[in-house]
Amino acid sequence: MSHPVPTELNLHRVSRVLEITFDDGSNFKLPAEYLRAFSPSAEVMGHGPGQRKVPTGIEKVNIDQIEPVGNYAIVLHFDDEHNTGIYSWETLYNLGQNYDQYWQQYLDELKEVGYSRKDPAS
C-alpha cells in the first residue's frame, strides 16, 4: 500500500503555518508550534516508548527553512535552533489526520508538567 505524497508545501510565515496538500486531495494547515511539539526527533520523542518530552515555551516558534530529504521527507529548521527531526510524508500525513487528538494531547501534557501556555498572538 502506498502512502500519500505531498503535491504542495506552502509555508505561511506570518501565521506560522505549514500548509500541505497530498496527492489524495487531503489538505492540512499545521501550526509551527504543533510541528515543533511533535518533532520526530530523539530530543522530543526519546529513544523508546514512554520517553516523550513535551517542549515548553514554543508558542511563537516559526519555521526558518524547509530542507528536502530524498523524495520521502523534509527537515524543518525552526527559529529556536531545533532541526533534528526528519518528517517523513507518512509522519506529516499522520500529524494532519490526527491534529485535533494530538493537539489536545499536547495541551494535556503541558498541564501535566505545570506549564501555562502563553497566547502566541501577544
PDB file of N, CA and C in Angstrom:
ATOM      1  N   MET A   1       0.845  -1.188   0.000  1.00  0.00           N
ATOM      2  CA  MET A   1       0.000   0.000   0.000  1.00  0.00           C
ATOM      3  C   MET A   1       0.881   1.238   0.000  1.00  0.00           C
ATOM      4  N   SER A   2       0.649   2.138  -0.927  1.00  0.00           N
ATOM      5  CA  SER A   2       1.448   3.357  -0.976  1.00  0.00           C
ATOM      6  C   SER A   2       0.814   4.422  -0.087  1.00  0.00           C
ATOM      7  N   HIS A   3       1.657   5.257   0.457  1.00  0.00           N
ATOM      8  CA  HIS A   3       1.204   6.334   1.331  1.00  0.00           C
ATOM      9  C   HIS A   3       1.060   7.610   0.514  1.00  0.00           C
ATOM     10  N   PRO A   4       0.161   8.500   0.925  1.00  0.00           N
ATOM     11  CA  PRO A   4       0.013   9.765   0.213  1.00  0.00           C
ATOM     12  C   PRO A   4       1.330  10.549   0.191  1.00  0.00           C
ATOM     13  N   VAL A   5       1.524  11.261  -0.902  1.00  0.00           N
ATOM     14  CA  VAL A   5       2.726  12.066  -1.112  1.00  0.00           C
ATOM     15  C   VAL A   5       2.293  13.517  -1.286  1.00  0.00           C
ATOM     16  N   PRO A   6       3.026  14.461  -0.693  1.00  0.00           N
ATOM     17  CA  PRO A   6       2.663  15.868  -0.872  1.00  0.00           C
ATOM     18  C   PRO A   6       2.801  16.311  -2.322  1.00  0.00           C
ATOM     19  N   THR A   7       1.844  17.101  -2.745  1.00  0.00           N
ATOM     20  CA  THR A   7       1.925  17.716  -4.062  1.00  0.00           C
ATOM     21  C   THR A   7       2.260  19.194  -3.929  1.00  0.00           C
ATOM     22  N   GLU A   8       2.067  19.731  -2.721  1.00  0.00           N
ATOM     23  CA  GLU A   8       2.346  21.151  -2.493  1.00  0.00           C
ATOM     24  C   GLU A   8       2.653  21.393  -1.019  1.00  0.00           C
ATOM     25  N   LEU A   9       3.692  22.197  -0.774  1.00  0.00           N
ATOM     26  CA  LEU A   9       4.058  22.646   0.575  1.00  0.00           C
ATOM     27  C   LEU A   9       4.133  24.162   0.534  1.00  0.00           C
ATOM     28  N   ASN A  10       3.409  24.829   1.426  1.00  0.00           N
ATOM     29  CA  ASN A  10       3.451  26.285   1.500  1.00  0.00           C
ATOM     30  C   ASN A  10       3.670  26.706   2.941  1.00  0.00           C
ATOM     31  N   LEU A  11       4.726  27.465   3.164  1.00  0.00           N
ATOM     32  CA  LEU A  11       4.998  27.993   4.488  1.00  0.00           C
ATOM     33  C   LEU A  11       4.431  29.402   4.578  1.00  0.00           C
ATOM     34  N   HIS A  12       3.500  29.595   5.482  1.00  0.00           N
ATOM     35  CA  HIS A  12       2.905  30.903   5.730  1.00  0.00           C
ATOM     36  C   HIS A  12       3.596  31.469   6.967  1.00  0.00           C
ATOM     37  N   ARG A  13       4.622  32.281   6.748  1.00  0.00           N
ATOM     38  CA  ARG A  13       5.468  32.760   7.847  1.00  0.00           C
ATOM     39  C   ARG A  13       4.718  33.645   8.843  1.00  0.00           C
ATOM     40  N   VAL A  14       3.868  34.528   8.365  1.00  0.00           N
ATOM     41  CA  VAL A  14       3.172  35.449   9.271  1.00  0.00           C
ATOM     42  C   VAL A  14       2.271  34.681  10.233  1.00  0.00           C
ATOM     43  N   SER A  15       1.514  33.724   9.720  1.00  0.00           N
ATOM     44  CA  SER A  15       0.617  32.940  10.578  1.00  0.00           C
ATOM     45  C   SER A  15       1.318  31.738  11.202  1.00  0.00           C
ATOM     46  N   ARG A  16       2.573  31.500  10.814  1.00  0.00           N
ATOM     47  CA  ARG A  16       3.372  30.390  11.356  1.00  0.00           C
ATOM     48  C   ARG A  16       2.678  29.043  11.106  1.00  0.00           C
ATOM     49  N   VAL A  17       2.281  28.827   9.856  1.00  0.00           N
ATOM     50  CA  VAL A  17       1.561  27.611   9.468  1.00  0.00           C
ATOM     51  C   VAL A  17       2.215  27.001   8.233  1.00  0.00           C
ATOM     52  N   LEU A  18       2.392  25.678   8.276  1.00  0.00           N
ATOM     53  CA  LEU A  18       2.836  24.931   7.105  1.00  0.00           C
ATOM     54  C   LEU A  18       1.605  24.262   6.512  1.00  0.00           C
ATOM     55  N   GLU A  19       1.289  24.638   5.279  1.00  0.00           N
ATOM     56  CA  GLU A  19       0.132  24.058   4.588  1.00  0.00           C
ATOM     57  C   GLU A  19       0.627  22.985   3.631  1.00  0.00           C
ATOM     58  N   ILE A  20       0.034  21.803   3.743  1.00  0.00           N
ATOM     59  CA  ILE A  20       0.469  20.665   2.938  1.00  0.00           C
ATOM     60  C   ILE A  20      -0.737  20.064   2.220  1.00  0.00           C
ATOM     61  N   THR A  21      -0.616  19.902   0.913  1.00  0.00           N
ATOM     62  CA  THR A  21      -1.634  19.221   0.122  1.00  0.00           C
ATOM     63  C   THR A  21      -1.030  17.905  -0.363  1.00  0.00           C
ATOM     64  N   PHE A  22      -1.788  16.826  -0.206  1.00  0.00           N
ATOM     65  CA  PHE A  22      -1.331  15.494  -0.607  1.00  0.00           C
ATOM     66  C   PHE A  22      -2.035  15.048  -1.876  1.00  0.00           C
ATOM     67  N   ASP A  23      -1.446  14.040  -2.523  1.00  0.00           N
ATOM     68  CA  ASP A  23      -1.974  13.567  -3.808  1.00  0.00           C
ATOM     69  C   ASP A  23      -3.335  12.876  -3.700  1.00  0.00           C
ATOM     70  N   ASP A  24      -3.808  12.621  -2.473  1.00  0.00           N
ATOM     71  CA  ASP A  24      -5.158  12.070  -2.316  1.00  0.00           C
ATOM     72  C   ASP A  24      -6.192  13.181  -2.106  1.00  0.00           C
ATOM     73  N   GLY A  25      -5.747  14.449  -2.218  1.00  0.00           N
ATOM     74  CA  GLY A  25      -6.641  15.591  -2.062  1.00  0.00           C
ATOM     75  C   GLY A  25      -6.677  16.166  -0.655  1.00  0.00           C
ATOM     76  N   SER A  26      -6.086  15.487   0.309  1.00  0.00           N
ATOM     77  CA  SER A  26      -6.061  15.994   1.682  1.00  0.00           C
ATOM     78  C   SER A  26      -5.237  17.272   1.748  1.00  0.00           C
ATOM     79  N   ASN A  27      -5.710  18.207   2.564  1.00  0.00           N
ATOM     80  CA  ASN A  27      -5.000  19.469   2.778  1.00  0.00           C
ATOM     81  C   ASN A  27      -4.980  19.738   4.275  1.00  0.00           C
ATOM     82  N   PHE A  28      -3.788  19.971   4.805  1.00  0.00           N
ATOM     83  CA  PHE A  28      -3.627  20.215   6.237  1.00  0.00           C
ATOM     84  C   PHE A  28      -2.892  21.528   6.453  1.00  0.00           C
ATOM     85  N   LYS A  29      -3.347  22.282   7.444  1.00  0.00           N
ATOM     86  CA  LYS A  29      -2.690  23.519   7.859  1.00  0.00           C
ATOM     87  C   LYS A  29      -2.154  23.269   9.259  1.00  0.00           C
ATOM     88  N   LEU A  30      -0.836  23.057   9.348  1.00  0.00           N
ATOM     89  CA  LEU A  30      -0.215  22.635  10.601  1.00  0.00           C
ATOM     90  C   LEU A  30       0.618  23.770  11.189  1.00  0.00           C
ATOM     91  N   PRO A  31       0.228  24.263  12.371  1.00  0.00           N
ATOM     92  CA  PRO A  31       0.990  25.337  13.014  1.00  0.00           C
ATOM     93  C   PRO A  31       2.410  24.896  13.348  1.00  0.00           C
ATOM     94  N   ALA A  32       3.350  25.824  13.265  1.00  0.00           N
ATOM     95  CA  ALA A  32       4.748  25.522  13.587  1.00  0.00           C
ATOM     96  C   ALA A  32       4.873  25.001  15.016  1.00  0.00           C
ATOM     97  N   GLU A  33       4.124  25.580  15.946  1.00  0.00           N
ATOM     98  CA  GLU A  33       4.174  25.115  17.336  1.00  0.00           C
ATOM     99  C   GLU A  33       3.805  23.631  17.416  1.00  0.00           C
ATOM    100  N   TYR A  34       2.778  23.241  16.715  1.00  0.00           N
ATOM    101  CA  TYR A  34       2.331  21.843  16.698  1.00  0.00           C
ATOM    102  C   TYR A  34       3.410  20.939  16.111  1.00  0.00           C
ATOM    103  N   LEU A  35       3.980  21.348  14.976  1.00  0.00           N
ATOM    104  CA  LEU A  35       5.030  20.550  14.349  1.00  0.00           C
ATOM    105  C   LEU A  35       6.253  20.442  15.244  1.00  0.00           C
ATOM    106  N   ARG A  36       6.574  21.522  15.944  1.00  0.00           N
ATOM    107  CA  ARG A  36       7.719  21.505  16.873  1.00  0.00           C
ATOM    108  C   ARG A  36       7.417  20.601  18.071  1.00  0.00           C
ATOM    109  N   ALA A  37       6.182  20.655  18.574  1.00  0.00           N
ATOM    110  CA  ALA A  37       5.782  19.849  19.732  1.00  0.00           C
ATOM    111  C   ALA A  37       5.818  18.358  19.418  1.00  0.00           C
ATOM    112  N   PHE A  38       5.592  17.996  18.161  1.00  0.00           N
ATOM    113  CA  PHE A  38       5.590  16.592  17.770  1.00  0.00           C
ATOM    114  C   PHE A  38       6.737  16.266  16.812  1.00  0.00           C
ATOM    115  N   SER A  39       7.842  16.964  16.985  1.00  0.00           N
ATOM    116  CA  SER A  39       9.030  16.672  16.186  1.00  0.00           C
ATOM    117  C   SER A  39       9.407  15.208  16.360  1.00  0.00           C
ATOM    118  N   PRO A  40       9.692  14.524  15.254  1.00  0.00           N
ATOM    119  CA  PRO A  40      10.080  13.117  15.355  1.00  0.00           C
ATOM    120  C   PRO A  40      11.536  12.931  15.802  1.00  0.00           C
ATOM    121  N   SER A  41      12.110  13.932  16.415  1.00  0.00           N
ATOM    122  CA  SER A  41      13.497  13.863  16.884  1.00  0.00           C
ATOM    123  C   SER A  41      13.604  13.095  18.192  1.00  0.00           C
ATOM    124  N   ALA A  42      14.788  12.586  18.474  1.00  0.00           N
ATOM    125  CA  ALA A  42      15.040  11.908  19.751  1.00  0.00           C
ATOM    126  C   ALA A  42      14.899  12.895  20.912  1.00  0.00           C
ATOM    127  N   GLU A  43      15.228  14.155  20.670  1.00  0.00           N
ATOM    128  CA  GLU A  43      15.101  15.189  21.712  1.00  0.00           C
ATOM    129  C   GLU A  43      13.672  15.284  22.241  1.00  0.00           C
ATOM    130  N   VAL A  44      12.700  15.116  21.368  1.00  0.00           N
ATOM    131  CA  VAL A  44      11.288  15.216  21.758  1.00  0.00           C
ATOM    132  C   VAL A  44      10.699  13.830  22.023  1.00  0.00           C
ATOM    133  N   MET A  45      10.897  12.898  21.121  1.00  0.00           N
ATOM    134  CA  MET A  45      10.265  11.584  21.225  1.00  0.00           C
ATOM    135  C   MET A  45      11.043  10.584  22.080  1.00  0.00           C
ATOM    136  N   GLY A  46      12.306  10.905  22.367  1.00  0.00           N
ATOM    137  CA  GLY A  46      13.122   9.971  23.122  1.00  0.00           C
ATOM    138  C   GLY A  46      13.593   8.840  22.232  1.00  0.00           C
ATOM    139  N   HIS A  47      14.116   7.800  22.871  1.00  0.00           N
ATOM    140  CA  HIS A  47      14.652   6.668  22.113  1.00  0.00           C
ATOM    141  C   HIS A  47      13.789   5.421  22.242  1.00  0.00           C
ATOM    142  N   GLY A  48      12.617   5.563  22.859  1.00  0.00           N
ATOM    143  CA  GLY A  48      11.741   4.412  23.017  1.00  0.00           C
ATOM    144  C   GLY A  48      10.395   4.837  23.577  1.00  0.00           C
ATOM    145  N   PRO A  49       9.481   3.888  23.700  1.00  0.00           N
ATOM    146  CA  PRO A  49       8.148   4.178  24.212  1.00  0.00           C
ATOM    147  C   PRO A  49       8.207   4.813  25.610  1.00  0.00           C
ATOM    148  N   GLY A  50       7.352   5.805  25.810  1.00  0.00           N
ATOM    149  CA  GLY A  50       7.253   6.439  27.126  1.00  0.00           C
ATOM    150  C   GLY A  50       8.345   7.447  27.424  1.00  0.00           C
ATOM    151  N   GLN A  51       9.182   7.767  26.450  1.00  0.00           N
ATOM    152  CA  GLN A  51      10.278   8.706  26.694  1.00  0.00           C
ATOM    153  C   GLN A  51      10.018  10.103  26.126  1.00  0.00           C
ATOM    154  N   ARG A  52       8.813  10.350  25.618  1.00  0.00           N
ATOM    155  CA  ARG A  52       8.487  11.654  25.034  1.00  0.00           C
ATOM    156  C   ARG A  52       8.672  12.762  26.065  1.00  0.00           C
ATOM    157  N   LYS A  53       9.284  13.868  25.621  1.00  0.00           N
ATOM    158  CA  LYS A  53       9.452  15.060  26.453  1.00  0.00           C
ATOM    159  C   LYS A  53       8.707  16.202  25.776  1.00  0.00           C
ATOM    160  N   VAL A  54       7.719  16.746  26.462  1.00  0.00           N
ATOM    161  CA  VAL A  54       6.938  17.830  25.871  1.00  0.00           C
ATOM    162  C   VAL A  54       7.757  19.127  25.910  1.00  0.00           C
ATOM    163  N   PRO A  55       7.988  19.733  24.736  1.00  0.00           N
ATOM    164  CA  PRO A  55       8.711  21.002  24.721  1.00  0.00           C
ATOM    165  C   PRO A  55       7.816  22.131  25.221  1.00  0.00           C
ATOM    166  N   THR A  56       8.373  23.029  25.998  1.00  0.00           N
ATOM    167  CA  THR A  56       7.622  24.172  26.514  1.00  0.00           C
ATOM    168  C   THR A  56       8.234  25.463  25.971  1.00  0.00           C
ATOM    169  N   GLY A  57       7.449  26.530  26.020  1.00  0.00           N
ATOM    170  CA  GLY A  57       7.936  27.833  25.568  1.00  0.00           C
ATOM    171  C   GLY A  57       8.086  27.954  24.067  1.00  0.00           C
ATOM    172  N   ILE A  58       7.302  27.191  23.324  1.00  0.00           N
ATOM    173  CA  ILE A  58       7.441  27.191  21.855  1.00  0.00           C
ATOM    174  C   ILE A  58       6.242  27.839  21.154  1.00  0.00           C
ATOM    175  N   GLU A  59       5.438  28.582  21.891  1.00  0.00           N
ATOM    176  CA  GLU A  59       4.216  29.158  21.313  1.00  0.00           C
ATOM    177  C   GLU A  59       4.487  30.044  20.096  1.00  0.00           C
ATOM    178  N   LYS A  60       5.604  30.761  20.082  1.00  0.00           N
ATOM    179  CA  LYS A  60       5.890  31.688  18.978  1.00  0.00           C
ATOM    180  C   LYS A  60       6.918  31.145  17.994  1.00  0.00           C
ATOM    181  N   VAL A  61       7.231  29.852  18.091  1.00  0.00           N
ATOM    182  CA  VAL A  61       8.233  29.280  17.198  1.00  0.00           C
ATOM    183  C   VAL A  61       7.760  29.380  15.748  1.00  0.00           C
ATOM    184  N   ASN A  62       8.725  29.557  14.861  1.00  0.00           N
ATOM    185  CA  ASN A  62       8.408  29.597  13.434  1.00  0.00           C
ATOM    186  C   ASN A  62       9.397  28.700  12.690  1.00  0.00           C
ATOM    187  N   ILE A  63       9.137  28.491  11.445  1.00  0.00           N
ATOM    188  CA  ILE A  63       9.991  27.668  10.598  1.00  0.00           C
ATOM    189  C   ILE A  63      10.820  28.610   9.732  1.00  0.00           C
ATOM    190  N   ASP A  64      12.148  28.465   9.819  1.00  0.00           N
ATOM    191  CA  ASP A  64      13.058  29.293   9.023  1.00  0.00           C
ATOM    192  C   ASP A  64      13.338  28.682   7.663  1.00  0.00           C
ATOM    193  N   GLN A  65      13.401  27.353   7.610  1.00  0.00           N
ATOM    194  CA  GLN A  65      13.810  26.689   6.382  1.00  0.00           C
ATOM    195  C   GLN A  65      13.201  25.292   6.318  1.00  0.00           C
ATOM    196  N   ILE A  66      12.902  24.857   5.100  1.00  0.00           N
ATOM    197  CA  ILE A  66      12.437  23.500   4.842  1.00  0.00           C
ATOM    198  C   ILE A  66      13.472  22.843   3.939  1.00  0.00           C
ATOM    199  N   GLU A  67      14.038  21.745   4.429  1.00  0.00           N
ATOM    200  CA  GLU A  67      15.099  21.057   3.688  1.00  0.00           C
ATOM    201  C   GLU A  67      14.602  19.685   3.249  1.00  0.00           C
ATOM    202  N   PRO A  68      14.617  19.401   1.938  1.00  0.00           N
ATOM    203  CA  PRO A  68      14.190  18.077   1.480  1.00  0.00           C
ATOM    204  C   PRO A  68      15.175  16.995   1.901  1.00  0.00           C
ATOM    205  N   VAL A  69      14.640  15.816   2.188  1.00  0.00           N
ATOM    206  CA  VAL A  69      15.451  14.635   2.474  1.00  0.00           C
ATOM    207  C   VAL A  69      15.023  13.576   1.463  1.00  0.00           C
ATOM    208  N   GLY A  70      15.835  13.392   0.452  1.00  0.00           N
ATOM    209  CA  GLY A  70      15.472  12.463  -0.619  1.00  0.00           C
ATOM    210  C   GLY A  70      14.120  12.831  -1.191  1.00  0.00           C
ATOM    211  N   ASN A  71      13.329  11.819  -1.503  1.00  0.00           N
ATOM    212  CA  ASN A  71      11.973  12.070  -2.001  1.00  0.00           C
ATOM    213  C   ASN A  71      10.936  11.521  -1.026  1.00  0.00           C
ATOM    214  N   TYR A  72      11.320  11.433   0.265  1.00  0.00           N
ATOM    215  CA  TYR A  72      10.422  10.826   1.241  1.00  0.00           C
ATOM    216  C   TYR A  72      10.182  11.662   2.492  1.00  0.00           C
ATOM    217  N   ALA A  73      10.881  12.798   2.639  1.00  0.00           N
ATOM    218  CA  ALA A  73      10.770  13.532   3.897  1.00  0.00           C
ATOM    219  C   ALA A  73      11.330  14.942   3.773  1.00  0.00           C
ATOM    220  N   ILE A  74      11.157  15.709   4.864  1.00  0.00           N
ATOM    221  CA  ILE A  74      11.759  17.036   4.985  1.00  0.00           C
ATOM    222  C   ILE A  74      12.305  17.198   6.407  1.00  0.00           C
ATOM    223  N   VAL A  75      13.257  18.103   6.534  1.00  0.00           N
ATOM    224  CA  VAL A  75      13.716  18.561   7.849  1.00  0.00           C
ATOM    225  C   VAL A  75      13.231  19.991   7.980  1.00  0.00           C
ATOM    226  N   LEU A  76      12.587  20.279   9.098  1.00  0.00           N
ATOM    227  CA  LEU A  76      12.135  21.640   9.375  1.00  0.00           C
ATOM    228  C   LEU A  76      13.168  22.299  10.285  1.00  0.00           C
ATOM    229  N   HIS A  77      13.655  23.451   9.865  1.00  0.00           N
ATOM    230  CA  HIS A  77      14.588  24.231  10.673  1.00  0.00           C
ATOM    231  C   HIS A  77      13.767  25.312  11.377  1.00  0.00           C
ATOM    232  N   PHE A  78      13.592  25.137  12.679  1.00  0.00           N
ATOM    233  CA  PHE A  78      12.808  26.079  13.468  1.00  0.00           C
ATOM    234  C   PHE A  78      13.693  27.224  13.940  1.00  0.00           C
ATOM    235  N   ASP A  79      13.078  28.371  14.208  1.00  0.00           N
ATOM    236  CA  ASP A  79      13.856  29.532  14.634  1.00  0.00           C
ATOM    237  C   ASP A  79      14.340  29.450  16.080  1.00  0.00           C
ATOM    238  N   ASP A  80      14.015  28.357  16.783  1.00  0.00           N
ATOM    239  CA  ASP A  80      14.585  28.139  18.121  1.00  0.00           C
ATOM    240  C   ASP A  80      15.791  27.206  18.045  1.00  0.00           C
ATOM    241  N   GLU A  81      16.325  27.038  16.831  1.00  0.00           N
ATOM    242  CA  GLU A  81      17.522  26.232  16.551  1.00  0.00           C
ATOM    243  C   GLU A  81      17.252  24.729  16.486  1.00  0.00           C
ATOM    244  N   HIS A  82      16.011  24.279  16.679  1.00  0.00           N
ATOM    245  CA  HIS A  82      15.709  22.852  16.583  1.00  0.00           C
ATOM    246  C   HIS A  82      15.626  22.463  15.105  1.00  0.00           C
ATOM    247  N   ASN A  83      16.362  21.414  14.724  1.00  0.00           N
ATOM    248  CA  ASN A  83      16.341  20.981  13.323  1.00  0.00           C
ATOM    249  C   ASN A  83      16.745  19.513  13.173  1.00  0.00           C
ATOM    250  N   THR A  84      16.495  18.710  14.194  1.00  0.00           N
ATOM    251  CA  THR A  84      16.961  17.323  14.127  1.00  0.00           C
ATOM    252  C   THR A  84      15.863  16.308  13.809  1.00  0.00           C
ATOM    253  N   GLY A  85      14.644  16.748  13.640  1.00  0.00           N
ATOM    254  CA  GLY A  85      13.571  15.812  13.312  1.00  0.00           C
ATOM    255  C   GLY A  85      13.405  15.663  11.814  1.00  0.00           C
ATOM    256  N   ILE A  86      13.329  14.426  11.347  1.00  0.00           N
ATOM    257  CA  ILE A  86      13.054  14.163   9.932  1.00  0.00           C
ATOM    258  C   ILE A  86      11.578  13.787   9.812  1.00  0.00           C
ATOM    259  N   TYR A  87      10.826  14.649   9.140  1.00  0.00           N
ATOM    260  CA  TYR A  87       9.382  14.476   8.980  1.00  0.00           C
ATOM    261  C   TYR A  87       9.115  13.745   7.671  1.00  0.00           C
ATOM    262  N   SER A  88       8.858  12.447   7.748  1.00  0.00           N
ATOM    263  CA  SER A  88       8.516  11.687   6.542  1.00  0.00           C
ATOM    264  C   SER A  88       7.129  12.128   6.071  1.00  0.00           C
ATOM    265  N   TRP A  89       6.821  11.819   4.821  1.00  0.00           N
ATOM    266  CA  TRP A  89       5.474  12.149   4.301  1.00  0.00           C
ATOM    267  C   TRP A  89       4.416  11.460   5.159  1.00  0.00           C
ATOM    268  N   GLU A  90       4.705  10.225   5.556  1.00  0.00           N
ATOM    269  CA  GLU A  90       3.761   9.475   6.390  1.00  0.00           C
ATOM    270  C   GLU A  90       3.546  10.171   7.740  1.00  0.00           C
ATOM    271  N   THR A  91       4.622  10.661   8.337  1.00  0.00           N
ATOM    272  CA  THR A  91       4.517  11.382   9.620  1.00  0.00           C
ATOM    273  C   THR A  91       3.683  12.638   9.457  1.00  0.00           C
ATOM    274  N   LEU A  92       3.952  13.424   8.413  1.00  0.00           N
ATOM    275  CA  LEU A  92       3.199  14.657   8.189  1.00  0.00           C
ATOM    276  C   LEU A  92       1.722  14.372   7.941  1.00  0.00           C
ATOM    277  N   TYR A  93       1.443  13.330   7.185  1.00  0.00           N
ATOM    278  CA  TYR A  93       0.058  12.955   6.919  1.00  0.00           C
ATOM    279  C   TYR A  93      -0.641  12.554   8.219  1.00  0.00           C
ATOM    280  N   ASN A  94       0.042  11.760   9.028  1.00  0.00           N
ATOM    281  CA  ASN A  94      -0.486  11.339  10.324  1.00  0.00           C
ATOM    282  C   ASN A  94      -0.741  12.551  11.232  1.00  0.00           C
ATOM    283  N   LEU A  95       0.197  13.491  11.263  1.00  0.00           N
ATOM    284  CA  LEU A  95       0.018  14.697  12.076  1.00  0.00           C
ATOM    285  C   LEU A  95      -1.181  15.511  11.589  1.00  0.00           C
ATOM    286  N   GLY A  96      -1.385  15.527  10.280  1.00  0.00           N
ATOM    287  CA  GLY A  96      -2.536  16.245   9.736  1.00  0.00           C
ATOM    288  C   GLY A  96      -3.846  15.553  10.045  1.00  0.00           C
ATOM    289  N   GLN A  97      -3.900  14.247   9.818  1.00  0.00           N
ATOM    290  CA  GLN A  97      -5.132  13.487  10.057  1.00  0.00           C
ATOM    291  C   GLN A  97      -5.553  13.487  11.524  1.00  0.00           C
ATOM    292  N   ASN A  98      -4.590  13.509  12.414  1.00  0.00           N
ATOM    293  CA  ASN A  98      -4.874  13.378  13.847  1.00  0.00           C
ATOM    294  C   ASN A  98      -4.653  14.671  14.619  1.00  0.00           C
ATOM    295  N   TYR A  99      -4.728  15.799  13.911  1.00  0.00           N
ATOM    296  CA  TYR A  99      -4.427  17.089  14.520  1.00  0.00           C
ATOM    297  C   TYR A  99      -5.203  17.335  15.821  1.00  0.00           C
ATOM    298  N   ASP A 100      -6.504  17.189  15.791  1.00  0.00           N
ATOM    299  CA  ASP A 100      -7.319  17.501  16.977  1.00  0.00           C
ATOM    300  C   ASP A 100      -6.910  16.662  18.184  1.00  0.00           C
ATOM    301  N   GLN A 101      -6.738  15.377  17.976  1.00  0.00           N
ATOM    302  CA  GLN A 101      -6.358  14.460  19.048  1.00  0.00           C
ATOM    303  C   GLN A 101      -4.958  14.804  19.589  1.00  0.00           C
ATOM    304  N   TYR A 102      -3.993  15.005  18.686  1.00  0.00           N
ATOM    305  CA  TYR A 102      -2.620  15.275  19.118  1.00  0.00           C
ATOM    306  C   TYR A 102      -2.496  16.654  19.769  1.00  0.00           C
ATOM    307  N   TRP A 103      -3.230  17.639  19.253  1.00  0.00           N
ATOM    308  CA  TRP A 103      -3.189  18.976  19.858  1.00  0.00           C
ATOM    309  C   TRP A 103      -3.701  18.909  21.298  1.00  0.00           C
ATOM    310  N   GLN A 104      -4.780  18.189  21.517  1.00  0.00           N
ATOM    311  CA  GLN A 104      -5.307  18.031  22.875  1.00  0.00           C
ATOM    312  C   GLN A 104      -4.305  17.298  23.756  1.00  0.00           C
ATOM    313  N   GLN A 105      -3.642  16.295  23.199  1.00  0.00           N
ATOM    314  CA  GLN A 105      -2.594  15.573  23.945  1.00  0.00           C
ATOM    315  C   GLN A 105      -1.505  16.544  24.386  1.00  0.00           C
ATOM    316  N   TYR A 106      -1.075  17.410  23.491  1.00  0.00           N
ATOM    317  CA  TYR A 106      -0.038  18.407  23.784  1.00  0.00           C
ATOM    318  C   TYR A 106      -0.493  19.340  24.906  1.00  0.00           C
ATOM    319  N   LEU A 107      -1.726  19.832  24.799  1.00  0.00           N
ATOM    320  CA  LEU A 107      -2.250  20.727  25.849  1.00  0.00           C
ATOM    321  C   LEU A 107      -2.319  20.005  27.196  1.00  0.00           C
ATOM    322  N   ASP A 108      -2.734  18.745  27.182  1.00  0.00           N
ATOM    323  CA  ASP A 108      -2.790  17.946  28.417  1.00  0.00           C
ATOM    324  C   ASP A 108      -1.393  17.734  28.990  1.00  0.00           C
ATOM    325  N   GLU A 109      -0.429  17.471  28.117  1.00  0.00           N
ATOM    326  CA  GLU A 109       0.955  17.264  28.569  1.00  0.00           C
ATOM    327  C   GLU A 109       1.513  18.538  29.203  1.00  0.00           C
ATOM    328  N   LEU A 110       1.210  19.682  28.593  1.00  0.00           N
ATOM    329  CA  LEU A 110       1.670  20.947  29.168  1.00  0.00           C
ATOM    330  C   LEU A 110       1.107  21.131  30.574  1.00  0.00           C
ATOM    331  N   LYS A 111      -0.174  20.812  30.725  1.00  0.00           N
ATOM    332  CA  LYS A 111      -0.821  20.927  32.032  1.00  0.00           C
ATOM    333  C   LYS A 111      -0.153  19.995  33.043  1.00  0.00           C
ATOM    334  N   GLU A 112       0.142  18.766  32.605  1.00  0.00           N
ATOM    335  CA  GLU A 112       0.777  17.776  33.491  1.00  0.00           C
ATOM    336  C   GLU A 112       2.127  18.234  34.015  1.00  0.00           C
ATOM    337  N   VAL A 113       2.892  18.956  33.179  1.00  0.00           N
ATOM    338  CA  VAL A 113       4.211  19.428  33.623  1.00  0.00           C
ATOM    339  C   VAL A 113       4.133  20.798  34.296  1.00  0.00           C
ATOM    340  N   GLY A 114       2.896  21.318  34.439  1.00  0.00           N
ATOM    341  CA  GLY A 114       2.708  22.580  35.145  1.00  0.00           C
ATOM    342  C   GLY A 114       3.049  23.808  34.328  1.00  0.00           C
ATOM    343  N   TYR A 115       3.026  23.678  33.007  1.00  0.00           N
ATOM    344  CA  TYR A 115       3.349  24.811  32.134  1.00  0.00           C
ATOM    345  C   TYR A 115       2.062  25.493  31.689  1.00  0.00           C
ATOM    346  N   SER A 116       2.020  26.797  31.806  1.00  0.00           N
ATOM    347  CA  SER A 116       0.874  27.573  31.367  1.00  0.00           C
ATOM    348  C   SER A 116       1.190  28.187  29.999  1.00  0.00           C
ATOM    349  N   ARG A 117       0.531  27.691  28.974  1.00  0.00           N
ATOM    350  CA  ARG A 117       0.768  28.126  27.588  1.00  0.00           C
ATOM    351  C   ARG A 117       0.369  29.580  27.403  1.00  0.00           C
ATOM    352  N   LYS A 118       1.278  30.360  26.793  1.00  0.00           N
ATOM    353  CA  LYS A 118       1.013  31.773  26.509  1.00  0.00           C
ATOM    354  C   LYS A 118       0.364  31.914  25.141  1.00  0.00           C
ATOM    355  N   ASP A 119      -0.461  32.944  24.987  1.00  0.00           N
ATOM    356  CA  ASP A 119      -1.095  33.229  23.714  1.00  0.00           C
ATOM    357  C   ASP A 119      -0.023  33.718  22.736  1.00  0.00           C
ATOM    358  N   PRO A 120       0.199  33.001  21.628  1.00  0.00           N
ATOM    359  CA  PRO A 120       1.263  33.401  20.698  1.00  0.00           C
ATOM    360  C   PRO A 120       0.993  34.737  20.017  1.00  0.00           C
ATOM    361  N   ALA A 121      -0.242  35.216  20.036  1.00  0.00           N
ATOM    362  CA  ALA A 121      -0.565  36.481  19.392  1.00  0.00           C
ATOM    363  C   ALA A 121      -0.116  37.681  20.222  1.00  0.00           C
ATOM    364  N   SER A 122       0.173  37.459  21.512  1.00  0.00           N
ATOM    365  CA  SER A 122       0.546  38.596  22.360  1.00  0.00           C
ATOM    366  C   SER A 122       2.050  38.765  22.462  1.00  0.00           C
TER     367      SER A 122
END
